[in-house]
mmCIF file of all heavy atoms, coordinates in Angstrom:
data_MODEL
# 
_entry.id   MODEL 
# 
loop_
_atom_site.group_PDB 
_atom_site.id 
_atom_site.type_symbol 
_atom_site.label_atom_id 
_atom_site.label_alt_id 
_atom_site.label_comp_id 
_atom_site.label_asym_id 
_atom_site.label_entity_id 
_atom_site.label_seq_id 
_atom_site.pdbx_PDB_ins_code 
_atom_site.Cartn_x 
_atom_site.Cartn_y 
_atom_site.Cartn_z 
_atom_site.occupancy 
_atom_site.B_iso_or_equiv 
_atom_site.pdbx_formal_charge 
_atom_site.auth_seq_id 
_atom_site.auth_comp_id 
_atom_site.auth_asym_id 
_atom_site.auth_atom_id 
_atom_site.pdbx_PDB_model_num 
ATOM 1   N N   . ARG A 1 1  ? -10.322 -4.847  -3.243  1.00 0.00 ? 1  ARG A N   1 
ATOM 2   C CA  . ARG A 1 1  ? -9.214  -4.633  -2.314  1.00 0.00 ? 1  ARG A CA  1 
ATOM 3   C C   . ARG A 1 1  ? -8.232  -3.593  -2.832  1.00 0.00 ? 1  ARG A C   1 
ATOM 4   O O   . ARG A 1 1  ? -7.786  -2.725  -2.083  1.00 0.00 ? 1  ARG A O   1 
ATOM 5   C CB  . ARG A 1 1  ? -8.495  -5.961  -2.028  1.00 0.00 ? 1  ARG A CB  1 
ATOM 6   C CG  . ARG A 1 1  ? -9.336  -6.907  -1.182  1.00 0.00 ? 1  ARG A CG  1 
ATOM 7   C CD  . ARG A 1 1  ? -8.602  -8.172  -0.773  1.00 0.00 ? 1  ARG A CD  1 
ATOM 8   N NE  . ARG A 1 1  ? -8.221  -8.966  -1.935  1.00 0.00 ? 1  ARG A NE  1 
ATOM 9   C CZ  . ARG A 1 1  ? -7.031  -9.522  -2.110  1.00 0.00 ? 1  ARG A CZ  1 
ATOM 10  N NH1 . ARG A 1 1  ? -6.083  -9.387  -1.212  1.00 0.00 ? 1  ARG A NH1 1 
ATOM 11  N NH2 . ARG A 1 1  ? -6.768  -10.236 -3.182  1.00 0.00 ? 1  ARG A NH2 1 
ATOM 12  N N   . LEU A 1 2  ? -7.884  -3.673  -4.120  1.00 0.00 ? 2  LEU A N   1 
ATOM 13  C CA  . LEU A 1 2  ? -6.909  -2.740  -4.686  1.00 0.00 ? 2  LEU A CA  1 
ATOM 14  C C   . LEU A 1 2  ? -7.413  -1.300  -4.719  1.00 0.00 ? 2  LEU A C   1 
ATOM 15  O O   . LEU A 1 2  ? -6.619  -0.363  -4.674  1.00 0.00 ? 2  LEU A O   1 
ATOM 16  C CB  . LEU A 1 2  ? -6.521  -3.162  -6.107  1.00 0.00 ? 2  LEU A CB  1 
ATOM 17  C CG  . LEU A 1 2  ? -5.659  -4.410  -6.231  1.00 0.00 ? 2  LEU A CG  1 
ATOM 18  C CD1 . LEU A 1 2  ? -5.480  -4.780  -7.697  1.00 0.00 ? 2  LEU A CD1 1 
ATOM 19  C CD2 . LEU A 1 2  ? -4.312  -4.223  -5.553  1.00 0.00 ? 2  LEU A CD2 1 
ATOM 20  N N   . THR A 1 3  ? -8.721  -1.119  -4.813  1.00 0.00 ? 3  THR A N   1 
ATOM 21  C CA  . THR A 1 3  ? -9.266  0.230   -4.933  1.00 0.00 ? 3  THR A CA  1 
ATOM 22  C C   . THR A 1 3  ? -9.841  0.764   -3.627  1.00 0.00 ? 3  THR A C   1 
ATOM 23  O O   . THR A 1 3  ? -10.471 1.826   -3.630  1.00 0.00 ? 3  THR A O   1 
ATOM 24  C CB  . THR A 1 3  ? -10.344 0.279   -6.035  1.00 0.00 ? 3  THR A CB  1 
ATOM 25  O OG1 . THR A 1 3  ? -11.390 -0.645  -5.713  1.00 0.00 ? 3  THR A OG1 1 
ATOM 26  C CG2 . THR A 1 3  ? -9.748  -0.056  -7.392  1.00 0.00 ? 3  THR A CG2 1 
ATOM 27  N N   . SER A 1 4  ? -9.595  0.071   -2.519  1.00 0.00 ? 4  SER A N   1 
ATOM 28  C CA  . SER A 1 4  ? -10.138 0.547   -1.246  1.00 0.00 ? 4  SER A CA  1 
ATOM 29  C C   . SER A 1 4  ? -9.143  0.482   -0.091  1.00 0.00 ? 4  SER A C   1 
ATOM 30  O O   . SER A 1 4  ? -9.422  1.012   0.974   1.00 0.00 ? 4  SER A O   1 
ATOM 31  C CB  . SER A 1 4  ? -11.395 -0.251  -0.874  1.00 0.00 ? 4  SER A CB  1 
ATOM 32  O OG  . SER A 1 4  ? -11.058 -1.609  -0.623  1.00 0.00 ? 4  SER A OG  1 
ATOM 33  N N   . LYS A 1 5  ? -8.012  -0.151  -0.294  1.00 0.00 ? 5  LYS A N   1 
ATOM 34  C CA  . LYS A 1 5  ? -7.063  -0.342  0.796   1.00 0.00 ? 5  LYS A CA  1 
ATOM 35  C C   . LYS A 1 5  ? -5.703  0.262   0.459   1.00 0.00 ? 5  LYS A C   1 
ATOM 36  O O   . LYS A 1 5  ? -5.430  0.618   -0.677  1.00 0.00 ? 5  LYS A O   1 
ATOM 37  C CB  . LYS A 1 5  ? -6.886  -1.838  1.080   1.00 0.00 ? 5  LYS A CB  1 
ATOM 38  C CG  . LYS A 1 5  ? -8.172  -2.511  1.521   1.00 0.00 ? 5  LYS A CG  1 
ATOM 39  C CD  . LYS A 1 5  ? -7.956  -3.967  1.799   1.00 0.00 ? 5  LYS A CD  1 
ATOM 40  C CE  . LYS A 1 5  ? -9.273  -4.614  2.226   1.00 0.00 ? 5  LYS A CE  1 
ATOM 41  N NZ  . LYS A 1 5  ? -9.070  -5.985  2.643   1.00 0.00 ? 5  LYS A NZ  1 
ATOM 42  N N   . THR A 1 6  ? -4.852  0.331   1.476   1.00 0.00 ? 6  THR A N   1 
ATOM 43  C CA  . THR A 1 6  ? -3.475  0.734   1.240   1.00 0.00 ? 6  THR A CA  1 
ATOM 44  C C   . THR A 1 6  ? -2.713  -0.474  0.714   1.00 0.00 ? 6  THR A C   1 
ATOM 45  O O   . THR A 1 6  ? -2.775  -1.558  1.276   1.00 0.00 ? 6  THR A O   1 
ATOM 46  C CB  . THR A 1 6  ? -2.823  1.260   2.534   1.00 0.00 ? 6  THR A CB  1 
ATOM 47  O OG1 . THR A 1 6  ? -3.585  2.357   3.020   1.00 0.00 ? 6  THR A OG1 1 
ATOM 48  C CG2 . THR A 1 6  ? -1.396  1.715   2.273   1.00 0.00 ? 6  THR A CG2 1 
ATOM 49  N N   . ILE A 1 7  ? -2.013  -0.274  -0.395  1.00 0.00 ? 7  ILE A N   1 
ATOM 50  C CA  . ILE A 1 7  ? -1.260  -1.329  -1.065  1.00 0.00 ? 7  ILE A CA  1 
ATOM 51  C C   . ILE A 1 7  ? 0.205   -1.142  -0.710  1.00 0.00 ? 7  ILE A C   1 
ATOM 52  O O   . ILE A 1 7  ? 0.750   -0.047  -0.846  1.00 0.00 ? 7  ILE A O   1 
ATOM 53  C CB  . ILE A 1 7  ? -1.452  -1.222  -2.592  1.00 0.00 ? 7  ILE A CB  1 
ATOM 54  C CG1 . ILE A 1 7  ? -2.929  -1.281  -2.939  1.00 0.00 ? 7  ILE A CG1 1 
ATOM 55  C CG2 . ILE A 1 7  ? -0.648  -2.297  -3.312  1.00 0.00 ? 7  ILE A CG2 1 
ATOM 56  C CD1 . ILE A 1 7  ? -3.252  -0.715  -4.312  1.00 0.00 ? 7  ILE A CD1 1 
ATOM 57  N N   . TYR A 1 8  ? 0.862   -2.206  -0.258  1.00 0.00 ? 8  TYR A N   1 
ATOM 58  C CA  . TYR A 1 8  ? 2.281   -2.156  0.091   1.00 0.00 ? 8  TYR A CA  1 
ATOM 59  C C   . TYR A 1 8  ? 3.061   -3.026  -0.884  1.00 0.00 ? 8  TYR A C   1 
ATOM 60  O O   . TYR A 1 8  ? 2.727   -4.193  -1.089  1.00 0.00 ? 8  TYR A O   1 
ATOM 61  C CB  . TYR A 1 8  ? 2.503   -2.661  1.519   1.00 0.00 ? 8  TYR A CB  1 
ATOM 62  C CG  . TYR A 1 8  ? 1.911   -1.757  2.565   1.00 0.00 ? 8  TYR A CG  1 
ATOM 63  C CD1 . TYR A 1 8  ? 0.589   -1.887  2.971   1.00 0.00 ? 8  TYR A CD1 1 
ATOM 64  C CD2 . TYR A 1 8  ? 2.678   -0.751  3.153   1.00 0.00 ? 8  TYR A CD2 1 
ATOM 65  C CE1 . TYR A 1 8  ? 0.042   -1.044  3.932   1.00 0.00 ? 8  TYR A CE1 1 
ATOM 66  C CE2 . TYR A 1 8  ? 2.144   0.096   4.116   1.00 0.00 ? 8  TYR A CE2 1 
ATOM 67  C CZ  . TYR A 1 8  ? 0.827   -0.058  4.493   1.00 0.00 ? 8  TYR A CZ  1 
ATOM 68  O OH  . TYR A 1 8  ? 0.280   0.784   5.436   1.00 0.00 ? 8  TYR A OH  1 
ATOM 69  N N   . ILE A 1 9  ? 4.088   -2.428  -1.497  1.00 0.00 ? 9  ILE A N   1 
ATOM 70  C CA  . ILE A 1 9  ? 4.964   -3.146  -2.409  1.00 0.00 ? 9  ILE A CA  1 
ATOM 71  C C   . ILE A 1 9  ? 6.414   -2.833  -2.043  1.00 0.00 ? 9  ILE A C   1 
ATOM 72  O O   . ILE A 1 9  ? 6.679   -1.907  -1.279  1.00 0.00 ? 9  ILE A O   1 
ATOM 73  C CB  . ILE A 1 9  ? 4.686   -2.796  -3.888  1.00 0.00 ? 9  ILE A CB  1 
ATOM 74  C CG1 . ILE A 1 9  ? 4.926   -1.312  -4.150  1.00 0.00 ? 9  ILE A CG1 1 
ATOM 75  C CG2 . ILE A 1 9  ? 3.280   -3.218  -4.290  1.00 0.00 ? 9  ILE A CG2 1 
ATOM 76  C CD1 . ILE A 1 9  ? 4.812   -0.917  -5.611  1.00 0.00 ? 9  ILE A CD1 1 
ATOM 77  N N   . LEU A 1 10 ? 7.332   -3.590  -2.591  1.00 0.00 ? 10 LEU A N   1 
ATOM 78  C CA  . LEU A 1 10 ? 8.755   -3.382  -2.349  1.00 0.00 ? 10 LEU A CA  1 
ATOM 79  C C   . LEU A 1 10 ? 9.390   -2.762  -3.588  1.00 0.00 ? 10 LEU A C   1 
ATOM 80  O O   . LEU A 1 10 ? 9.122   -3.186  -4.708  1.00 0.00 ? 10 LEU A O   1 
ATOM 81  C CB  . LEU A 1 10 ? 9.439   -4.717  -2.037  1.00 0.00 ? 10 LEU A CB  1 
ATOM 82  C CG  . LEU A 1 10 ? 10.888  -4.640  -1.590  1.00 0.00 ? 10 LEU A CG  1 
ATOM 83  C CD1 . LEU A 1 10 ? 10.988  -4.071  -0.194  1.00 0.00 ? 10 LEU A CD1 1 
ATOM 84  C CD2 . LEU A 1 10 ? 11.528  -6.022  -1.644  1.00 0.00 ? 10 LEU A CD2 1 
ATOM 85  N N   . VAL A 1 11 ? 10.207  -1.734  -3.377  1.00 0.00 ? 11 VAL A N   1 
ATOM 86  C CA  . VAL A 1 11 ? 10.965  -1.106  -4.447  1.00 0.00 ? 11 VAL A CA  1 
ATOM 87  C C   . VAL A 1 11 ? 12.431  -1.183  -4.066  1.00 0.00 ? 11 VAL A C   1 
ATOM 88  O O   . VAL A 1 11 ? 12.788  -0.926  -2.917  1.00 0.00 ? 11 VAL A O   1 
ATOM 89  C CB  . VAL A 1 11 ? 10.541  0.368   -4.638  1.00 0.00 ? 11 VAL A CB  1 
ATOM 90  C CG1 . VAL A 1 11 ? 11.406  1.054   -5.666  1.00 0.00 ? 11 VAL A CG1 1 
ATOM 91  C CG2 . VAL A 1 11 ? 9.078   0.454   -5.041  1.00 0.00 ? 11 VAL A CG2 1 
ATOM 92  N N   . SER A 1 12 ? 13.267  -1.537  -5.029  1.00 0.00 ? 12 SER A N   1 
ATOM 93  C CA  . SER A 1 12 ? 14.696  -1.644  -4.774  1.00 0.00 ? 12 SER A CA  1 
ATOM 94  C C   . SER A 1 12 ? 15.430  -0.514  -5.477  1.00 0.00 ? 12 SER A C   1 
ATOM 95  O O   . SER A 1 12 ? 15.243  -0.305  -6.671  1.00 0.00 ? 12 SER A O   1 
ATOM 96  C CB  . SER A 1 12 ? 15.228  -2.988  -5.298  1.00 0.00 ? 12 SER A CB  1 
ATOM 97  O OG  . SER A 1 12 ? 14.563  -4.055  -4.662  1.00 0.00 ? 12 SER A OG  1 
ATOM 98  N N   . ALA A 1 13 ? 16.249  0.211   -4.724  1.00 0.00 ? 13 ALA A N   1 
ATOM 99  C CA  . ALA A 1 13 ? 17.112  1.234   -5.313  1.00 0.00 ? 13 ALA A CA  1 
ATOM 100 C C   . ALA A 1 13 ? 18.374  0.535   -5.786  1.00 0.00 ? 13 ALA A C   1 
ATOM 101 O O   . ALA A 1 13 ? 19.059  -0.127  -5.013  1.00 0.00 ? 13 ALA A O   1 
ATOM 102 C CB  . ALA A 1 13 ? 17.438  2.314   -4.293  1.00 0.00 ? 13 ALA A CB  1 
ATOM 103 N N   . CYS A 1 14 ? 18.640  0.662   -7.072  1.00 0.00 ? 14 CYS A N   1 
ATOM 104 C CA  . CYS A 1 14 ? 19.766  -0.033  -7.687  1.00 0.00 ? 14 CYS A CA  1 
ATOM 105 C C   . CYS A 1 14 ? 20.647  0.955   -8.434  1.00 0.00 ? 14 CYS A C   1 
ATOM 106 O O   . CYS A 1 14 ? 20.221  2.043   -8.785  1.00 0.00 ? 14 CYS A O   1 
ATOM 107 C CB  . CYS A 1 14 ? 19.264  -1.071  -8.688  1.00 0.00 ? 14 CYS A CB  1 
ATOM 108 S SG  . CYS A 1 14 ? 18.081  -2.247  -8.020  1.00 0.00 ? 14 CYS A SG  1 
ATOM 109 N N   . THR A 1 15 ? 21.858  0.546   -8.677  1.00 0.00 ? 15 THR A N   1 
ATOM 110 C CA  . THR A 1 15 ? 22.727  1.303   -9.563  1.00 0.00 ? 15 THR A CA  1 
ATOM 111 C C   . THR A 1 15 ? 23.329  0.300   -10.527 1.00 0.00 ? 15 THR A C   1 
ATOM 112 O O   . THR A 1 15 ? 23.597  -0.845  -10.173 1.00 0.00 ? 15 THR A O   1 
ATOM 113 C CB  . THR A 1 15 ? 23.806  2.081   -8.781  1.00 0.00 ? 15 THR A CB  1 
ATOM 114 O OG1 . THR A 1 15 ? 24.499  2.929   -9.681  1.00 0.00 ? 15 THR A OG1 1 
ATOM 115 C CG2 . THR A 1 15 ? 24.775  1.168   -8.078  1.00 0.00 ? 15 THR A CG2 1 
ATOM 116 N N   . ARG A 1 16 ? 23.518  0.732   -11.745 1.00 0.00 ? 16 ARG A N   1 
ATOM 117 C CA  . ARG A 1 16 ? 24.003  -0.181  -12.770 1.00 0.00 ? 16 ARG A CA  1 
ATOM 118 C C   . ARG A 1 16 ? 25.229  0.426   -13.433 1.00 0.00 ? 16 ARG A C   1 
ATOM 119 O O   . ARG A 1 16 ? 25.155  1.510   -14.001 1.00 0.00 ? 16 ARG A O   1 
ATOM 120 C CB  . ARG A 1 16 ? 22.894  -0.392  -13.793 1.00 0.00 ? 16 ARG A CB  1 
ATOM 121 C CG  . ARG A 1 16 ? 23.046  -1.613  -14.605 1.00 0.00 ? 16 ARG A CG  1 
ATOM 122 C CD  . ARG A 1 16 ? 21.758  -1.892  -15.328 1.00 0.00 ? 16 ARG A CD  1 
ATOM 123 N NE  . ARG A 1 16 ? 21.885  -3.138  -16.028 1.00 0.00 ? 16 ARG A NE  1 
ATOM 124 C CZ  . ARG A 1 16 ? 21.008  -3.589  -16.870 1.00 0.00 ? 16 ARG A CZ  1 
ATOM 125 N NH1 . ARG A 1 16 ? 19.924  -2.908  -17.101 1.00 0.00 ? 16 ARG A NH1 1 
ATOM 126 N NH2 . ARG A 1 16 ? 21.199  -4.723  -17.474 1.00 0.00 ? 16 ARG A NH2 1 
ATOM 127 N N   . THR A 1 17 ? 26.334  -0.280  -13.364 1.00 0.00 ? 17 THR A N   1 
ATOM 128 C CA  . THR A 1 17 ? 27.570  0.206   -13.980 1.00 0.00 ? 17 THR A CA  1 
ATOM 129 C C   . THR A 1 17 ? 27.531  -0.057  -15.474 1.00 0.00 ? 17 THR A C   1 
ATOM 130 O O   . THR A 1 17 ? 26.719  -0.841  -15.973 1.00 0.00 ? 17 THR A O   1 
ATOM 131 C CB  . THR A 1 17 ? 28.797  -0.505  -13.378 1.00 0.00 ? 17 THR A CB  1 
ATOM 132 O OG1 . THR A 1 17 ? 28.729  -1.890  -13.723 1.00 0.00 ? 17 THR A OG1 1 
ATOM 133 C CG2 . THR A 1 17 ? 28.852  -0.343  -11.866 1.00 0.00 ? 17 THR A CG2 1 
ATOM 134 N N   . LYS A 1 18 ? 28.427  0.576   -16.193 1.00 0.00 ? 18 LYS A N   1 
ATOM 135 C CA  . LYS A 1 18 ? 28.514  0.352   -17.640 1.00 0.00 ? 18 LYS A CA  1 
ATOM 136 C C   . LYS A 1 18 ? 28.829  -1.107  -17.942 1.00 0.00 ? 18 LYS A C   1 
ATOM 137 O O   . LYS A 1 18 ? 28.319  -1.682  -18.902 1.00 0.00 ? 18 LYS A O   1 
ATOM 138 C CB  . LYS A 1 18 ? 29.570  1.273   -18.251 1.00 0.00 ? 18 LYS A CB  1 
ATOM 139 C CG  . LYS A 1 18 ? 29.143  2.717   -18.277 1.00 0.00 ? 18 LYS A CG  1 
ATOM 140 C CD  . LYS A 1 18 ? 30.205  3.597   -18.885 1.00 0.00 ? 18 LYS A CD  1 
ATOM 141 C CE  . LYS A 1 18 ? 29.771  5.058   -18.843 1.00 0.00 ? 18 LYS A CE  1 
ATOM 142 N NZ  . LYS A 1 18 ? 30.759  5.950   -19.411 1.00 0.00 ? 18 LYS A NZ  1 
ATOM 143 N N   . ALA A 1 19 ? 29.661  -1.727  -17.106 1.00 0.00 ? 19 ALA A N   1 
ATOM 144 C CA  . ALA A 1 19 ? 30.011  -3.135  -17.319 1.00 0.00 ? 19 ALA A CA  1 
ATOM 145 C C   . ALA A 1 19 ? 28.781  -4.030  -17.146 1.00 0.00 ? 19 ALA A C   1 
ATOM 146 O O   . ALA A 1 19 ? 28.588  -4.978  -17.922 1.00 0.00 ? 19 ALA A O   1 
ATOM 147 C CB  . ALA A 1 19 ? 31.104  -3.556  -16.343 1.00 0.00 ? 19 ALA A CB  1 
ATOM 148 N N   . GLU A 1 20 ? 27.947  -3.749  -16.140 1.00 0.00 ? 20 GLU A N   1 
ATOM 149 C CA  . GLU A 1 20 ? 26.732  -4.541  -15.944 1.00 0.00 ? 20 GLU A CA  1 
ATOM 150 C C   . GLU A 1 20 ? 25.768  -4.355  -17.104 1.00 0.00 ? 20 GLU A C   1 
ATOM 151 O O   . GLU A 1 20 ? 25.115  -5.295  -17.548 1.00 0.00 ? 20 GLU A O   1 
ATOM 152 C CB  . GLU A 1 20 ? 26.066  -4.170  -14.617 1.00 0.00 ? 20 GLU A CB  1 
ATOM 153 C CG  . GLU A 1 20 ? 26.825  -4.677  -13.412 1.00 0.00 ? 20 GLU A CG  1 
ATOM 154 C CD  . GLU A 1 20 ? 26.475  -3.934  -12.133 1.00 0.00 ? 20 GLU A CD  1 
ATOM 155 O OE1 . GLU A 1 20 ? 25.948  -2.807  -12.217 1.00 0.00 ? 20 GLU A OE1 1 
ATOM 156 O OE2 . GLU A 1 20 ? 26.754  -4.476  -11.061 1.00 0.00 ? 20 GLU A OE2 1 
ATOM 157 N N   . LYS A 1 21 ? 25.662  -3.116  -17.608 1.00 0.00 ? 21 LYS A N   1 
ATOM 158 C CA  . LYS A 1 21 ? 24.798  -2.857  -18.761 1.00 0.00 ? 21 LYS A CA  1 
ATOM 159 C C   . LYS A 1 21 ? 25.289  -3.652  -19.965 1.00 0.00 ? 21 LYS A C   1 
ATOM 160 O O   . LYS A 1 21 ? 24.506  -4.257  -20.689 1.00 0.00 ? 21 LYS A O   1 
ATOM 161 C CB  . LYS A 1 21 ? 24.777  -1.359  -19.093 1.00 0.00 ? 21 LYS A CB  1 
ATOM 162 C CG  . LYS A 1 21 ? 23.968  -0.536  -18.141 1.00 0.00 ? 21 LYS A CG  1 
ATOM 163 C CD  . LYS A 1 21 ? 24.013  0.934   -18.538 1.00 0.00 ? 21 LYS A CD  1 
ATOM 164 C CE  . LYS A 1 21 ? 23.337  1.790   -17.484 1.00 0.00 ? 21 LYS A CE  1 
ATOM 165 N NZ  . LYS A 1 21 ? 23.414  3.215   -17.794 1.00 0.00 ? 21 LYS A NZ  1 
ATOM 166 N N   . LYS A 1 22 ? 26.604  -3.641  -20.169 1.00 0.00 ? 22 LYS A N   1 
ATOM 167 C CA  . LYS A 1 22 ? 27.200  -4.335  -21.322 1.00 0.00 ? 22 LYS A CA  1 
ATOM 168 C C   . LYS A 1 22 ? 26.963  -5.845  -21.218 1.00 0.00 ? 22 LYS A C   1 
ATOM 169 O O   . LYS A 1 22 ? 26.666  -6.505  -22.208 1.00 0.00 ? 22 LYS A O   1 
ATOM 170 C CB  . LYS A 1 22 ? 28.696  -4.021  -21.387 1.00 0.00 ? 22 LYS A CB  1 
ATOM 171 C CG  . LYS A 1 22 ? 29.346  -4.415  -22.668 1.00 0.00 ? 22 LYS A CG  1 
ATOM 172 C CD  . LYS A 1 22 ? 30.775  -3.923  -22.720 1.00 0.00 ? 22 LYS A CD  1 
ATOM 173 C CE  . LYS A 1 22 ? 31.407  -4.217  -24.057 1.00 0.00 ? 22 LYS A CE  1 
ATOM 174 N NZ  . LYS A 1 22 ? 32.762  -3.696  -24.141 1.00 0.00 ? 22 LYS A NZ  1 
ATOM 175 N N   . ARG A 1 23 ? 27.117  -6.398  -20.000 1.00 0.00 ? 23 ARG A N   1 
ATOM 176 C CA  . ARG A 1 23 ? 26.905  -7.837  -19.791 1.00 0.00 ? 23 ARG A CA  1 
ATOM 177 C C   . ARG A 1 23 ? 25.423  -8.182  -19.677 1.00 0.00 ? 23 ARG A C   1 
ATOM 178 O O   . ARG A 1 23 ? 25.065  -9.355  -19.615 1.00 0.00 ? 23 ARG A O   1 
ATOM 179 C CB  . ARG A 1 23 ? 27.617  -8.295  -18.524 1.00 0.00 ? 23 ARG A CB  1 
ATOM 180 C CG  . ARG A 1 23 ? 29.118  -8.350  -18.652 1.00 0.00 ? 23 ARG A CG  1 
ATOM 181 C CD  . ARG A 1 23 ? 29.724  -9.042  -17.449 1.00 0.00 ? 23 ARG A CD  1 
ATOM 182 N NE  . ARG A 1 23 ? 29.360  -8.393  -16.202 1.00 0.00 ? 23 ARG A NE  1 
ATOM 183 C CZ  . ARG A 1 23 ? 30.189  -7.709  -15.426 1.00 0.00 ? 23 ARG A CZ  1 
ATOM 184 N NH1 . ARG A 1 23 ? 31.458  -7.596  -15.764 1.00 0.00 ? 23 ARG A NH1 1 
ATOM 185 N NH2 . ARG A 1 23 ? 29.785  -7.150  -14.317 1.00 0.00 ? 23 ARG A NH2 1 
ATOM 186 N N   . ASN A 1 24 ? 24.564  -7.147  -19.600 1.00 0.00 ? 24 ASN A N   1 
ATOM 187 C CA  . ASN A 1 24 ? 23.122  -7.328  -19.443 1.00 0.00 ? 24 ASN A CA  1 
ATOM 188 C C   . ASN A 1 24 ? 22.794  -8.130  -18.182 1.00 0.00 ? 24 ASN A C   1 
ATOM 189 O O   . ASN A 1 24 ? 21.973  -9.049  -18.207 1.00 0.00 ? 24 ASN A O   1 
ATOM 190 C CB  . ASN A 1 24 ? 22.495  -7.963  -20.685 1.00 0.00 ? 24 ASN A CB  1 
ATOM 191 C CG  . ASN A 1 24 ? 21.009  -7.726  -20.735 1.00 0.00 ? 24 ASN A CG  1 
ATOM 192 O OD1 . ASN A 1 24 ? 20.514  -6.752  -20.165 1.00 0.00 ? 24 ASN A OD1 1 
ATOM 193 N ND2 . ASN A 1 24 ? 20.298  -8.608  -21.406 1.00 0.00 ? 24 ASN A ND2 1 
ATOM 194 N N   . THR A 1 25 ? 23.466  -7.791  -17.082 1.00 0.00 ? 25 THR A N   1 
ATOM 195 C CA  . THR A 1 25 ? 23.211  -8.451  -15.804 1.00 0.00 ? 25 THR A CA  1 
ATOM 196 C C   . THR A 1 25 ? 22.390  -7.540  -14.907 1.00 0.00 ? 25 THR A C   1 
ATOM 197 O O   . THR A 1 25 ? 22.314  -6.337  -15.117 1.00 0.00 ? 25 THR A O   1 
ATOM 198 C CB  . THR A 1 25 ? 24.536  -8.816  -15.089 1.00 0.00 ? 25 THR A CB  1 
ATOM 199 O OG1 . THR A 1 25 ? 25.279  -7.612  -14.882 1.00 0.00 ? 25 THR A OG1 1 
ATOM 200 C CG2 . THR A 1 25 ? 25.356  -9.791  -15.913 1.00 0.00 ? 25 THR A CG2 1 
ATOM 201 N N   . ASP A 1 26 ? 21.786  -8.135  -13.886 1.00 0.00 ? 26 ASP A N   1 
ATOM 202 C CA  . ASP A 1 26 ? 20.997  -7.358  -12.939 1.00 0.00 ? 26 ASP A CA  1 
ATOM 203 C C   . ASP A 1 26 ? 21.885  -6.416  -12.159 1.00 0.00 ? 26 ASP A C   1 
ATOM 204 O O   . ASP A 1 26 ? 23.026  -6.738  -11.822 1.00 0.00 ? 26 ASP A O   1 
ATOM 205 C CB  . ASP A 1 26 ? 20.275  -8.282  -11.946 1.00 0.00 ? 26 ASP A CB  1 
ATOM 206 C CG  . ASP A 1 26 ? 19.155  -9.057  -12.597 1.00 0.00 ? 26 ASP A CG  1 
ATOM 207 O OD1 . ASP A 1 26 ? 18.639  -8.598  -13.640 1.00 0.00 ? 26 ASP A OD1 1 
ATOM 208 O OD2 . ASP A 1 26 ? 18.791  -10.123 -12.068 1.00 0.00 ? 26 ASP A OD2 1 
# 
């Protein structure tokens, strides 16, 4: 299936502030 069909997945565009990086949050 993976090598013969179109595969649909979800991608999320995110932005991460310095504060979120520091707190290690999503």
